[in-house]
Amino acid sequence: SHTRRGQPCWFRVPKVGMIAVNDGILLRNHIPRILKKHFRQKNY
């Protein structure tokens, strides 16, 4: 793709390129970290 939310796609930004693959993985890894931080003590 070329654009996302009116901006160039992240992988099309100069000096990013395929580093965006790792950035995507990092973003995905924040999900369990955020859940752990806020909900670790909850019964659900």
PDB file of all heavy atoms in Angstrom:
ATOM      1  N   SER A   1       0.829  -1.211   0.000  1.00  0.00           N
ATOM      2  CA  SER A   1       0.000   0.000   0.000  1.00  0.00           C
ATOM      3  C   SER A   1       0.862   1.259   0.000  1.00  0.00           C
ATOM      4  O   SER A   1       2.062   1.200   0.306  1.00  0.00           O
ATOM      5  CB  SER A   1      -0.925   0.001   1.221  1.00  0.00           C
ATOM      6  OG  SER A   1      -1.803  -1.096   1.171  1.00  0.00           O
ATOM      7  N   HIS A   2       0.216   2.371  -0.318  1.00  0.00           N
ATOM      8  CA  HIS A   2       0.958   3.634  -0.414  1.00  0.00           C
ATOM      9  C   HIS A   2       0.682   4.582   0.746  1.00  0.00           C
ATOM     10  O   HIS A   2       1.615   5.208   1.261  1.00  0.00           O
ATOM     11  CB  HIS A   2       0.638   4.329  -1.742  1.00  0.00           C
ATOM     12  CG  HIS A   2       1.171   3.576  -2.920  1.00  0.00           C
ATOM     13  ND1 HIS A   2       2.455   3.733  -3.390  1.00  0.00           N
ATOM     14  CD2 HIS A   2       0.600   2.618  -3.703  1.00  0.00           C
ATOM     15  CE1 HIS A   2       2.650   2.914  -4.413  1.00  0.00           C
ATOM     16  NE2 HIS A   2       1.550   2.226  -4.622  1.00  0.00           N
ATOM     17  N   THR A   3      -0.582   4.723   1.116  1.00  0.00           N
ATOM     18  CA  THR A   3      -0.902   5.653   2.202  1.00  0.00           C
ATOM     19  C   THR A   3      -1.797   4.992   3.241  1.00  0.00           C
ATOM     20  O   THR A   3      -2.518   4.042   2.948  1.00  0.00           O
ATOM     21  CB  THR A   3      -1.617   6.916   1.669  1.00  0.00           C
ATOM     22  OG1 THR A   3      -2.759   6.518   0.900  1.00  0.00           O
ATOM     23  CG2 THR A   3      -0.696   7.760   0.817  1.00  0.00           C
ATOM     24  N   ARG A   4      -1.741   5.542   4.452  1.00  0.00           N
ATOM     25  CA  ARG A   4      -2.576   5.061   5.558  1.00  0.00           C
ATOM     26  C   ARG A   4      -2.902   6.275   6.425  1.00  0.00           C
ATOM     27  O   ARG A   4      -2.015   6.985   6.840  1.00  0.00           O
ATOM     28  CB  ARG A   4      -1.805   3.996   6.353  1.00  0.00           C
ATOM     29  CG  ARG A   4      -2.397   3.566   7.671  1.00  0.00           C
ATOM     30  CD  ARG A   4      -3.583   2.628   7.526  1.00  0.00           C
ATOM     31  NE  ARG A   4      -3.218   1.327   6.978  1.00  0.00           N
ATOM     32  CZ  ARG A   4      -4.057   0.283   6.954  1.00  0.00           C
ATOM     33  NH1 ARG A   4      -5.276   0.400   7.437  1.00  0.00           N
ATOM     34  NH2 ARG A   4      -3.682  -0.867   6.421  1.00  0.00           N
ATOM     35  N   ARG A   5      -4.188   6.516   6.647  1.00  0.00           N
ATOM     36  CA  ARG A   5      -4.631   7.684   7.419  1.00  0.00           C
ATOM     37  C   ARG A   5      -4.017   9.002   6.908  1.00  0.00           C
ATOM     38  O   ARG A   5      -3.592   9.863   7.669  1.00  0.00           O
ATOM     39  CB  ARG A   5      -4.308   7.529   8.905  1.00  0.00           C
ATOM     40  CG  ARG A   5      -4.684   6.186   9.489  1.00  0.00           C
ATOM     41  CD  ARG A   5      -5.590   6.304  10.696  1.00  0.00           C
ATOM     42  NE  ARG A   5      -5.906   5.003  11.279  1.00  0.00           N
ATOM     43  CZ  ARG A   5      -6.821   4.155  10.815  1.00  0.00           C
ATOM     44  NH1 ARG A   5      -7.522   4.465   9.753  1.00  0.00           N
ATOM     45  NH2 ARG A   5      -7.060   3.012  11.415  1.00  0.00           N
ATOM     46  N   GLY A   6      -3.933   9.099   5.582  1.00  0.00           N
ATOM     47  CA  GLY A   6      -3.453  10.340   4.965  1.00  0.00           C
ATOM     48  C   GLY A   6      -1.946  10.526   4.985  1.00  0.00           C
ATOM     49  O   GLY A   6      -1.432  11.538   4.496  1.00  0.00           O
ATOM     50  N   GLN A   7      -1.206   9.540   5.522  1.00  0.00           N
ATOM     51  CA  GLN A   7       0.259   9.616   5.587  1.00  0.00           C
ATOM     52  C   GLN A   7       0.856   8.474   4.762  1.00  0.00           C
ATOM     53  O   GLN A   7       0.186   7.471   4.532  1.00  0.00           O
ATOM     54  CB  GLN A   7       0.733   9.451   7.043  1.00  0.00           C
ATOM     55  CG  GLN A   7       0.175  10.471   8.018  1.00  0.00           C
ATOM     56  CD  GLN A   7       0.771  11.851   7.836  1.00  0.00           C
ATOM     57  OE1 GLN A   7       1.931  11.973   7.463  1.00  0.00           O
ATOM     58  NE2 GLN A   7      -0.027  12.881   8.075  1.00  0.00           N
ATOM     59  N   PRO A   8       2.129   8.598   4.353  1.00  0.00           N
ATOM     60  CA  PRO A   8       2.747   7.447   3.674  1.00  0.00           C
ATOM     61  C   PRO A   8       2.768   6.251   4.632  1.00  0.00           C
ATOM     62  O   PRO A   8       2.930   6.435   5.842  1.00  0.00           O
ATOM     63  CB  PRO A   8       4.188   7.937   3.400  1.00  0.00           C
ATOM     64  CG  PRO A   8       4.138   9.418   3.520  1.00  0.00           C
ATOM     65  CD  PRO A   8       3.050   9.744   4.486  1.00  0.00           C
ATOM     66  N   CYS A   9       2.595   5.052   4.094  1.00  0.00           N
ATOM     67  CA  CYS A   9       2.678   3.853   4.935  1.00  0.00           C
ATOM     68  C   CYS A   9       4.046   3.842   5.628  1.00  0.00           C
ATOM     69  O   CYS A   9       5.042   4.297   5.063  1.00  0.00           O
ATOM     70  CB  CYS A   9       2.512   2.597   4.086  1.00  0.00           C
ATOM     71  SG  CYS A   9       0.842   2.446   3.425  1.00  0.00           S
ATOM     72  N   TRP A  10       4.100   3.294   6.834  1.00  0.00           N
ATOM     73  CA  TRP A  10       5.320   3.349   7.644  1.00  0.00           C
ATOM     74  C   TRP A  10       6.529   2.773   6.916  1.00  0.00           C
ATOM     75  O   TRP A  10       7.622   3.327   6.964  1.00  0.00           O
ATOM     76  CB  TRP A  10       5.069   2.625   8.966  1.00  0.00           C
ATOM     77  CG  TRP A  10       6.227   2.661   9.922  1.00  0.00           C
ATOM     78  CD1 TRP A  10       6.880   1.599  10.468  1.00  0.00           C
ATOM     79  CD2 TRP A  10       6.872   3.825  10.466  1.00  0.00           C
ATOM     80  NE1 TRP A  10       7.895   2.018  11.314  1.00  0.00           N
ATOM     81  CE2 TRP A  10       7.908   3.399  11.318  1.00  0.00           C
ATOM     82  CE3 TRP A  10       6.677   5.202  10.286  1.00  0.00           C
ATOM     83  CZ2 TRP A  10       8.749   4.271  12.006  1.00  0.00           C
ATOM     84  CZ3 TRP A  10       7.520   6.085  10.980  1.00  0.00           C
ATOM     85  CH2 TRP A  10       8.534   5.610  11.818  1.00  0.00           C
ATOM     86  N   PHE A  11       6.322   1.652   6.186  1.00  0.00           N
ATOM     87  CA  PHE A  11       7.471   1.032   5.504  1.00  0.00           C
ATOM     88  C   PHE A  11       7.971   1.862   4.329  1.00  0.00           C
ATOM     89  O   PHE A  11       9.073   1.633   3.823  1.00  0.00           O
ATOM     90  CB  PHE A  11       7.133  -0.406   5.055  1.00  0.00           C
ATOM     91  CG  PHE A  11       6.303  -0.501   3.803  1.00  0.00           C
ATOM     92  CD1 PHE A  11       6.891  -0.752   2.568  1.00  0.00           C
ATOM     93  CD2 PHE A  11       4.921  -0.346   3.853  1.00  0.00           C
ATOM     94  CE1 PHE A  11       6.135  -0.856   1.413  1.00  0.00           C
ATOM     95  CE2 PHE A  11       4.148  -0.452   2.695  1.00  0.00           C
ATOM     96  CZ  PHE A  11       4.756  -0.708   1.476  1.00  0.00           C
ATOM     97  N   ARG A  12       7.175   2.850   3.891  1.00  0.00           N
ATOM     98  CA  ARG A  12       7.590   3.716   2.775  1.00  0.00           C
ATOM     99  C   ARG A  12       8.300   4.988   3.266  1.00  0.00           C
ATOM    100  O   ARG A  12       8.748   5.805   2.460  1.00  0.00           O
ATOM    101  CB  ARG A  12       6.385   4.094   1.920  1.00  0.00           C
ATOM    102  CG  ARG A  12       5.824   2.890   1.156  1.00  0.00           C
ATOM    103  CD  ARG A  12       4.858   3.305   0.069  1.00  0.00           C
ATOM    104  NE  ARG A  12       4.294   2.137  -0.604  1.00  0.00           N
ATOM    105  CZ  ARG A  12       4.862   1.535  -1.655  1.00  0.00           C
ATOM    106  NH1 ARG A  12       6.008   1.985  -2.140  1.00  0.00           N
ATOM    107  NH2 ARG A  12       4.285   0.485  -2.220  1.00  0.00           N
ATOM    108  N   VAL A  13       8.377   5.149   4.582  1.00  0.00           N
ATOM    109  CA  VAL A  13       9.081   6.313   5.133  1.00  0.00           C
ATOM    110  C   VAL A  13      10.586   6.102   4.952  1.00  0.00           C
ATOM    111  O   VAL A  13      11.101   5.008   5.215  1.00  0.00           O
ATOM    112  CB  VAL A  13       8.733   6.489   6.639  1.00  0.00           C
ATOM    113  CG1 VAL A  13       9.603   7.567   7.288  1.00  0.00           C
ATOM    114  CG2 VAL A  13       7.252   6.833   6.797  1.00  0.00           C
ATOM    115  N   PRO A  14      11.318   7.140   4.471  1.00  0.00           N
ATOM    116  CA  PRO A  14      12.769   6.991   4.284  1.00  0.00           C
ATOM    117  C   PRO A  14      13.455   6.492   5.555  1.00  0.00           C
ATOM    118  O   PRO A  14      13.094   6.887   6.658  1.00  0.00           O
ATOM    119  CB  PRO A  14      13.227   8.420   3.941  1.00  0.00           C
ATOM    120  CG  PRO A  14      12.014   9.068   3.365  1.00  0.00           C
ATOM    121  CD  PRO A  14      10.833   8.473   4.078  1.00  0.00           C
ATOM    122  N   LYS A  15      14.409   5.614   5.396  1.00  0.00           N
ATOM    123  CA  LYS A  15      15.196   5.006   6.481  1.00  0.00           C
ATOM    124  C   LYS A  15      14.413   3.988   7.321  1.00  0.00           C
ATOM    125  O   LYS A  15      14.936   3.464   8.294  1.00  0.00           O
ATOM    126  CB  LYS A  15      15.814   6.077   7.389  1.00  0.00           C
ATOM    127  CG  LYS A  15      16.816   6.979   6.677  1.00  0.00           C
ATOM    128  CD  LYS A  15      17.457   7.943   7.642  1.00  0.00           C
ATOM    129  CE  LYS A  15      18.404   8.881   6.894  1.00  0.00           C
ATOM    130  NZ  LYS A  15      18.960   9.916   7.775  1.00  0.00           N
ATOM    131  N   VAL A  16      13.151   3.735   6.963  1.00  0.00           N
ATOM    132  CA  VAL A  16      12.388   2.704   7.690  1.00  0.00           C
ATOM    133  C   VAL A  16      12.400   1.412   6.879  1.00  0.00           C
ATOM    134  O   VAL A  16      13.013   0.427   7.270  1.00  0.00           O
ATOM    135  CB  VAL A  16      10.928   3.138   7.999  1.00  0.00           C
ATOM    136  CG1 VAL A  16      10.171   1.988   8.672  1.00  0.00           C
ATOM    137  CG2 VAL A  16      10.906   4.362   8.902  1.00  0.00           C
ATOM    138  N   GLY A  17      11.773   1.437   5.701  1.00  0.00           N
ATOM    139  CA  GLY A  17      11.762   0.248   4.844  1.00  0.00           C
ATOM    140  C   GLY A  17      11.326  -1.002   5.579  1.00  0.00           C
ATOM    141  O   GLY A  17      10.334  -0.998   6.304  1.00  0.00           O
ATOM    142  N   MET A  18      12.098  -2.093   5.434  1.00  0.00           N
ATOM    143  CA  MET A  18      11.710  -3.367   6.039  1.00  0.00           C
ATOM    144  C   MET A  18      11.953  -3.448   7.550  1.00  0.00           C
ATOM    145  O   MET A  18      11.571  -4.417   8.191  1.00  0.00           O
ATOM    146  CB  MET A  18      12.420  -4.533   5.331  1.00  0.00           C
ATOM    147  CG  MET A  18      11.833  -4.834   3.965  1.00  0.00           C
ATOM    148  SD  MET A  18      10.051  -5.217   4.030  1.00  0.00           S
ATOM    149  CE  MET A  18       9.358  -3.824   3.164  1.00  0.00           C
ATOM    150  N   ILE A  19      12.545  -2.395   8.128  1.00  0.00           N
ATOM    151  CA  ILE A  19      12.621  -2.320   9.596  1.00  0.00           C
ATOM    152  C   ILE A  19      11.187  -2.298  10.141  1.00  0.00           C
ATOM    153  O   ILE A  19      10.926  -2.679  11.281  1.00  0.00           O
ATOM    154  CB  ILE A  19      13.424  -1.062  10.046  1.00  0.00           C
ATOM    155  CG1 ILE A  19      14.885  -1.184   9.609  1.00  0.00           C
ATOM    156  CG2 ILE A  19      13.345  -0.864  11.565  1.00  0.00           C
ATOM    157  CD1 ILE A  19      15.704   0.088   9.797  1.00  0.00           C
ATOM    158  N   ALA A  20      10.249  -1.864   9.291  1.00  0.00           N
ATOM    159  CA  ALA A  20       8.828  -1.815   9.673  1.00  0.00           C
ATOM    160  C   ALA A  20       8.304  -3.186  10.081  1.00  0.00           C
ATOM    161  O   ALA A  20       7.362  -3.279  10.883  1.00  0.00           O
ATOM    162  CB  ALA A  20       7.997  -1.257   8.508  1.00  0.00           C
ATOM    163  N   VAL A  21       8.877  -4.262   9.554  1.00  0.00           N
ATOM    164  CA  VAL A  21       8.458  -5.616   9.947  1.00  0.00           C
ATOM    165  C   VAL A  21       8.707  -5.800  11.444  1.00  0.00           C
ATOM    166  O   VAL A  21       7.830  -6.228  12.198  1.00  0.00           O
ATOM    167  CB  VAL A  21       9.203  -6.707   9.137  1.00  0.00           C
ATOM    168  CG1 VAL A  21       8.858  -8.087   9.664  1.00  0.00           C
ATOM    169  CG2 VAL A  21       8.864  -6.604   7.653  1.00  0.00           C
ATOM    170  N   ASN A  22       9.914  -5.423  11.871  1.00  0.00           N
ATOM    171  CA  ASN A  22      10.239  -5.545  13.293  1.00  0.00           C
ATOM    172  C   ASN A  22       9.412  -4.577  14.136  1.00  0.00           C
ATOM    173  O   ASN A  22       8.997  -4.900  15.252  1.00  0.00           O
ATOM    174  CB  ASN A  22      11.730  -5.309  13.529  1.00  0.00           C
ATOM    175  CG  ASN A  22      12.187  -5.855  14.865  1.00  0.00           C
ATOM    176  OD1 ASN A  22      12.039  -7.034  15.153  1.00  0.00           O
ATOM    177  ND2 ASN A  22      12.700  -4.990  15.721  1.00  0.00           N
ATOM    178  N   ASP A  23       9.155  -3.394  13.589  1.00  0.00           N
ATOM    179  CA  ASP A  23       8.313  -2.423  14.302  1.00  0.00           C
ATOM    180  C   ASP A  23       6.910  -2.998  14.532  1.00  0.00           C
ATOM    181  O   ASP A  23       6.325  -2.819  15.603  1.00  0.00           O
ATOM    182  CB  ASP A  23       8.216  -1.119  13.502  1.00  0.00           C
ATOM    183  CG  ASP A  23       9.530  -0.346  13.484  1.00  0.00           C
ATOM    184  OD1 ASP A  23      10.364  -0.589  14.383  1.00  0.00           O
ATOM    185  OD2 ASP A  23       9.714   0.485  12.580  1.00  0.00           O
ATOM    186  N   GLY A  24       6.396  -3.689  13.516  1.00  0.00           N
ATOM    187  CA  GLY A  24       5.086  -4.332  13.650  1.00  0.00           C
ATOM    188  C   GLY A  24       5.080  -5.373  14.756  1.00  0.00           C
ATOM    189  O   GLY A  24       4.128  -5.470  15.550  1.00  0.00           O
ATOM    190  N   ILE A  25       6.173  -6.144  14.828  1.00  0.00           N
ATOM    191  CA  ILE A  25       6.298  -7.170  15.873  1.00  0.00           C
ATOM    192  C   ILE A  25       6.390  -6.507  17.254  1.00  0.00           C
ATOM    193  O   ILE A  25       5.777  -6.954  18.219  1.00  0.00           O
ATOM    194  CB  ILE A  25       7.528  -8.079  15.605  1.00  0.00           C
ATOM    195  CG1 ILE A  25       7.303  -8.884  14.309  1.00  0.00           C
ATOM    196  CG2 ILE A  25       7.787  -9.025  16.783  1.00  0.00           C
ATOM    197  CD1 ILE A  25       8.552  -9.577  13.775  1.00  0.00           C
ATOM    198  N   LEU A  26       7.143  -5.415  17.344  1.00  0.00           N
ATOM    199  CA  LEU A  26       7.260  -4.680  18.615  1.00  0.00           C
ATOM    200  C   LEU A  26       5.893  -4.157  19.074  1.00  0.00           C
ATOM    201  O   LEU A  26       5.536  -4.265  20.248  1.00  0.00           O
ATOM    202  CB  LEU A  26       8.232  -3.495  18.473  1.00  0.00           C
ATOM    203  CG  LEU A  26       9.724  -3.833  18.488  1.00  0.00           C
ATOM    204  CD1 LEU A  26      10.540  -2.592  18.140  1.00  0.00           C
ATOM    205  CD2 LEU A  26      10.140  -4.368  19.848  1.00  0.00           C
ATOM    206  N   LEU A  27       5.148  -3.591  18.137  1.00  0.00           N
ATOM    207  CA  LEU A  27       3.811  -3.078  18.469  1.00  0.00           C
ATOM    208  C   LEU A  27       2.909  -4.203  18.972  1.00  0.00           C
ATOM    209  O   LEU A  27       2.216  -4.051  19.977  1.00  0.00           O
ATOM    210  CB  LEU A  27       3.176  -2.422  17.229  1.00  0.00           C
ATOM    211  CG  LEU A  27       3.746  -1.061  16.811  1.00  0.00           C
ATOM    212  CD1 LEU A  27       3.244  -0.681  15.432  1.00  0.00           C
ATOM    213  CD2 LEU A  27       3.370   0.011  17.826  1.00  0.00           C
ATOM    214  N   ARG A  28       2.957  -5.346  18.284  1.00  0.00           N
ATOM    215  CA  ARG A  28       2.144  -6.488  18.675  1.00  0.00           C
ATOM    216  C   ARG A  28       2.523  -6.965  20.092  1.00  0.00           C
ATOM    217  O   ARG A  28       1.670  -7.359  20.882  1.00  0.00           O
ATOM    218  CB  ARG A  28       2.311  -7.619  17.651  1.00  0.00           C
ATOM    219  CG  ARG A  28       1.442  -8.848  17.916  1.00  0.00           C
ATOM    220  CD  ARG A  28       2.231  -9.928  18.628  1.00  0.00           C
ATOM    221  NE  ARG A  28       1.374 -11.022  19.049  1.00  0.00           N
ATOM    222  CZ  ARG A  28       0.815 -11.090  20.242  1.00  0.00           C
ATOM    223  NH1 ARG A  28       0.977 -10.128  21.129  1.00  0.00           N
ATOM    224  NH2 ARG A  28       0.078 -12.123  20.578  1.00  0.00           N
ATOM    225  N   ASN A  29       3.849  -6.903  20.411  1.00  0.00           N
ATOM    226  CA  ASN A  29       4.322  -7.353  21.720  1.00  0.00           C
ATOM    227  C   ASN A  29       3.925  -6.421  22.863  1.00  0.00           C
ATOM    228  O   ASN A  29       4.029  -6.798  24.025  1.00  0.00           O
ATOM    229  CB  ASN A  29       5.837  -7.561  21.690  1.00  0.00           C
ATOM    230  CG  ASN A  29       6.199  -8.944  21.193  1.00  0.00           C
ATOM    231  OD1 ASN A  29       6.157  -9.913  21.941  1.00  0.00           O
ATOM    232  ND2 ASN A  29       6.513  -9.061  19.918  1.00  0.00           N
ATOM    233  N   HIS A  30       3.494  -5.227  22.523  1.00  0.00           N
ATOM    234  CA  HIS A  30       3.028  -4.323  23.576  1.00  0.00           C
ATOM    235  C   HIS A  30       1.654  -4.736  24.116  1.00  0.00           C
ATOM    236  O   HIS A  30       1.290  -4.320  25.218  1.00  0.00           O
ATOM    237  CB  HIS A  30       2.985  -2.884  23.058  1.00  0.00           C
ATOM    238  CG  HIS A  30       4.304  -2.183  23.186  1.00  0.00           C
ATOM    239  ND1 HIS A  30       5.339  -2.412  22.315  1.00  0.00           N
ATOM    240  CD2 HIS A  30       4.784  -1.311  24.114  1.00  0.00           C
ATOM    241  CE1 HIS A  30       6.383  -1.689  22.682  1.00  0.00           C
ATOM    242  NE2 HIS A  30       6.073  -1.019  23.765  1.00  0.00           N
ATOM    243  N   ILE A  31       0.911  -5.527  23.342  1.00  0.00           N
ATOM    244  CA  ILE A  31      -0.431  -5.927  23.802  1.00  0.00           C
ATOM    245  C   ILE A  31      -0.370  -6.661  25.147  1.00  0.00           C
ATOM    246  O   ILE A  31      -0.981  -6.202  26.117  1.00  0.00           O
ATOM    247  CB  ILE A  31      -1.181  -6.747  22.723  1.00  0.00           C
ATOM    248  CG1 ILE A  31      -1.418  -5.896  21.469  1.00  0.00           C
ATOM    249  CG2 ILE A  31      -2.521  -7.266  23.266  1.00  0.00           C
ATOM    250  CD1 ILE A  31      -1.891  -6.681  20.258  1.00  0.00           C
ATOM    251  N   PRO A  32       0.367  -7.803  25.241  1.00  0.00           N
ATOM    252  CA  PRO A  32       0.394  -8.480  26.540  1.00  0.00           C
ATOM    253  C   PRO A  32       1.034  -7.640  27.643  1.00  0.00           C
ATOM    254  O   PRO A  32       0.670  -7.767  28.814  1.00  0.00           O
ATOM    255  CB  PRO A  32       1.210  -9.751  26.271  1.00  0.00           C
ATOM    256  CG  PRO A  32       1.965  -9.491  25.028  1.00  0.00           C
ATOM    257  CD  PRO A  32       1.130  -8.551  24.224  1.00  0.00           C
ATOM    258  N   ARG A  33       1.966  -6.757  27.284  1.00  0.00           N
ATOM    259  CA  ARG A  33       2.611  -5.903  28.285  1.00  0.00           C
ATOM    260  C   ARG A  33       1.608  -4.908  28.880  1.00  0.00           C
ATOM    261  O   ARG A  33       1.594  -4.672  30.094  1.00  0.00           O
ATOM    262  CB  ARG A  33       3.800  -5.162  27.668  1.00  0.00           C
ATOM    263  CG  ARG A  33       4.950  -6.095  27.265  1.00  0.00           C
ATOM    264  CD  ARG A  33       5.969  -5.386  26.396  1.00  0.00           C
ATOM    265  NE  ARG A  33       6.705  -4.378  27.140  1.00  0.00           N
ATOM    266  CZ  ARG A  33       7.789  -4.626  27.855  1.00  0.00           C
ATOM    267  NH1 ARG A  33       8.282  -5.850  27.904  1.00  0.00           N
ATOM    268  NH2 ARG A  33       8.411  -3.660  28.497  1.00  0.00           N
ATOM    269  N   ILE A  34       0.775  -4.322  28.009  1.00  0.00           N
ATOM    270  CA  ILE A  34      -0.253  -3.383  28.474  1.00  0.00           C
ATOM    271  C   ILE A  34      -1.297  -4.121  29.327  1.00  0.00           C
ATOM    272  O   ILE A  34      -1.694  -3.645  30.396  1.00  0.00           O
ATOM    273  CB  ILE A  34      -0.930  -2.671  27.272  1.00  0.00           C
ATOM    274  CG1 ILE A  34       0.068  -1.717  26.597  1.00  0.00           C
ATOM    275  CG2 ILE A  34      -2.174  -1.898  27.711  1.00  0.00           C
ATOM    276  CD1 ILE A  34      -0.368  -1.226  25.219  1.00  0.00           C
ATOM    277  N   LEU A  35      -1.717  -5.297  28.850  1.00  0.00           N
ATOM    278  CA  LEU A  35      -2.696  -6.078  29.604  1.00  0.00           C
ATOM    279  C   LEU A  35      -2.142  -6.459  30.983  1.00  0.00           C
ATOM    280  O   LEU A  35      -2.852  -6.397  31.989  1.00  0.00           O
ATOM    281  CB  LEU A  35      -3.109  -7.330  28.819  1.00  0.00           C
ATOM    282  CG  LEU A  35      -3.885  -7.085  27.517  1.00  0.00           C
ATOM    283  CD1 LEU A  35      -4.148  -8.405  26.804  1.00  0.00           C
ATOM    284  CD2 LEU A  35      -5.211  -6.375  27.781  1.00  0.00           C
ATOM    285  N   LYS A  36      -0.878  -6.853  31.008  1.00  0.00           N
ATOM    286  CA  LYS A  36      -0.249  -7.244  32.282  1.00  0.00           C
ATOM    287  C   LYS A  36      -0.189  -6.052  33.240  1.00  0.00           C
ATOM    288  O   LYS A  36      -0.496  -6.169  34.431  1.00  0.00           O
ATOM    289  CB  LYS A  36       1.155  -7.784  32.008  1.00  0.00           C
ATOM    290  CG  LYS A  36       1.870  -8.315  33.244  1.00  0.00           C
ATOM    291  CD  LYS A  36       3.247  -8.847  32.853  1.00  0.00           C
ATOM    292  CE  LYS A  36       4.021  -9.310  34.078  1.00  0.00           C
ATOM    293  NZ  LYS A  36       5.366  -9.799  33.692  1.00  0.00           N
ATOM    294  N   LYS A  37       0.212  -4.904  32.719  1.00  0.00           N
ATOM    295  CA  LYS A  37       0.360  -3.707  33.554  1.00  0.00           C
ATOM    296  C   LYS A  37      -0.953  -3.302  34.223  1.00  0.00           C
ATOM    297  O   LYS A  37      -0.975  -2.915  35.387  1.00  0.00           O
ATOM    298  CB  LYS A  37       0.891  -2.550  32.693  1.00  0.00           C
ATOM    299  CG  LYS A  37       1.123  -1.266  33.485  1.00  0.00           C
ATOM    300  CD  LYS A  37       1.657  -0.157  32.598  1.00  0.00           C
ATOM    301  CE  LYS A  37       1.808   1.127  33.415  1.00  0.00           C
ATOM    302  NZ  LYS A  37       2.308   2.246  32.596  1.00  0.00           N
ATOM    303  N   HIS A  38      -2.052  -3.384  33.470  1.00  0.00           N
ATOM    304  CA  HIS A  38      -3.321  -2.859  33.982  1.00  0.00           C
ATOM    305  C   HIS A  38      -4.264  -3.901  34.583  1.00  0.00           C
ATOM    306  O   HIS A  38      -5.159  -3.541  35.353  1.00  0.00           O
ATOM    307  CB  HIS A  38      -4.051  -2.101  32.862  1.00  0.00           C
ATOM    308  CG  HIS A  38      -3.314  -0.867  32.417  1.00  0.00           C
ATOM    309  ND1 HIS A  38      -3.312   0.306  33.136  1.00  0.00           N
ATOM    310  CD2 HIS A  38      -2.540  -0.650  31.332  1.00  0.00           C
ATOM    311  CE1 HIS A  38      -2.570   1.198  32.512  1.00  0.00           C
ATOM    312  NE2 HIS A  38      -2.094   0.655  31.407  1.00  0.00           N
ATOM    313  N   PHE A  39      -4.105  -5.178  34.197  1.00  0.00           N
ATOM    314  CA  PHE A  39      -5.114  -6.164  34.594  1.00  0.00           C
ATOM    315  C   PHE A  39      -4.578  -7.401  35.314  1.00  0.00           C
ATOM    316  O   PHE A  39      -5.325  -8.321  35.584  1.00  0.00           O
ATOM    317  CB  PHE A  39      -5.908  -6.615  33.348  1.00  0.00           C
ATOM    318  CG  PHE A  39      -6.534  -5.470  32.597  1.00  0.00           C
ATOM    319  CD1 PHE A  39      -5.996  -5.039  31.386  1.00  0.00           C
ATOM    320  CD2 PHE A  39      -7.643  -4.810  33.101  1.00  0.00           C
ATOM    321  CE1 PHE A  39      -6.558  -3.969  30.690  1.00  0.00           C
ATOM    322  CE2 PHE A  39      -8.216  -3.745  32.417  1.00  0.00           C
ATOM    323  CZ  PHE A  39      -7.679  -3.326  31.222  1.00  0.00           C
ATOM    324  N   ARG A  40      -3.265  -7.391  35.613  1.00  0.00           N
ATOM    325  CA  ARG A  40      -2.634  -8.573  36.225  1.00  0.00           C
ATOM    326  C   ARG A  40      -3.389  -9.089  37.448  1.00  0.00           C
ATOM    327  O   ARG A  40      -3.505 -10.294  37.673  1.00  0.00           O
ATOM    328  CB  ARG A  40      -1.188  -8.190  36.624  1.00  0.00           C
ATOM    329  CG  ARG A  40      -0.349  -9.327  37.165  1.00  0.00           C
ATOM    330  CD  ARG A  40       0.392  -9.985  36.015  1.00  0.00           C
ATOM    331  NE  ARG A  40       1.502 -10.807  36.479  1.00  0.00           N
ATOM    332  CZ  ARG A  40       1.378 -12.071  36.890  1.00  0.00           C
ATOM    333  NH1 ARG A  40       0.191 -12.627  36.942  1.00  0.00           N
ATOM    334  NH2 ARG A  40       2.432 -12.769  37.242  1.00  0.00           N
ATOM    335  N   GLN A  41      -3.906  -8.185  38.264  1.00  0.00           N
ATOM    336  CA  GLN A  41      -4.552  -8.579  39.527  1.00  0.00           C
ATOM    337  C   GLN A  41      -6.044  -8.908  39.370  1.00  0.00           C
ATOM    338  O   GLN A  41      -6.692  -9.307  40.338  1.00  0.00           O
ATOM    339  CB  GLN A  41      -4.408  -7.444  40.568  1.00  0.00           C
ATOM    340  CG  GLN A  41      -2.980  -6.925  40.767  1.00  0.00           C
ATOM    341  CD  GLN A  41      -1.988  -8.042  41.068  1.00  0.00           C
ATOM    342  OE1 GLN A  41      -2.323  -8.981  41.806  1.00  0.00           O
ATOM    343  NE2 GLN A  41      -0.784  -7.950  40.502  1.00  0.00           N
ATOM    344  N   LYS A  42      -6.572  -8.743  38.173  1.00  0.00           N
ATOM    345  CA  LYS A  42      -8.021  -8.955  37.977  1.00  0.00           C
ATOM    346  C   LYS A  42      -8.341 -10.434  37.780  1.00  0.00           C
ATOM    347  O   LYS A  42      -7.540 -11.180  37.210  1.00  0.00           O
ATOM    348  CB  LYS A  42      -8.513  -8.161  36.752  1.00  0.00           C
ATOM    349  CG  LYS A  42      -8.210  -6.667  36.810  1.00  0.00           C
ATOM    350  CD  LYS A  42      -9.014  -5.960  37.869  1.00  0.00           C
ATOM    351  CE  LYS A  42      -8.758  -4.459  37.853  1.00  0.00           C
ATOM    352  NZ  LYS A  42      -9.455  -3.770  38.942  1.00  0.00           N
ATOM    353  N   ASN A  43      -9.522 -10.828  38.211  1.00  0.00           N
ATOM    354  CA  ASN A  43      -9.911 -12.245  38.091  1.00  0.00           C
ATOM    355  C   ASN A  43     -10.167 -12.658  36.638  1.00  0.00           C
ATOM    356  O   ASN A  43     -10.191 -13.832  36.319  1.00  0.00           O
ATOM    357  CB  ASN A  43     -11.149 -12.540  38.961  1.00  0.00           C
ATOM    358  CG  ASN A  43     -12.372 -11.741  38.526  1.00  0.00           C
ATOM    359  OD1 ASN A  43     -12.238 -10.720  37.859  1.00  0.00           O
ATOM    360  ND2 ASN A  43     -13.548 -12.181  38.901  1.00  0.00           N
ATOM    361  N   TYR A  44     -10.332 -11.680  35.749  1.00  0.00           N
ATOM    362  CA  TYR A  44     -10.594 -11.986  34.332  1.00  0.00           C
ATOM    363  C   TYR A  44      -9.327 -11.874  33.474  1.00  0.00           C
ATOM    364  O   TYR A  44      -9.404 -11.956  32.253  1.00  0.00           O
ATOM    365  CB  TYR A  44     -11.695 -11.068  33.771  1.00  0.00           C
ATOM    366  CG  TYR A  44     -11.469  -9.590  34.011  1.00  0.00           C
ATOM    367  CD1 TYR A  44     -10.529  -8.876  33.251  1.00  0.00           C
ATOM    368  CD2 TYR A  44     -12.182  -8.895  34.991  1.00  0.00           C
ATOM    369  CE1 TYR A  44     -10.309  -7.526  33.468  1.00  0.00           C
ATOM    370  CE2 TYR A  44     -11.963  -7.539  35.215  1.00  0.00           C
ATOM    371  CZ  TYR A  44     -11.023  -6.863  34.452  1.00  0.00           C
ATOM    372  OH  TYR A  44     -10.801  -5.527  34.660  1.00  0.00           O
TER     373      TYR A  44
END
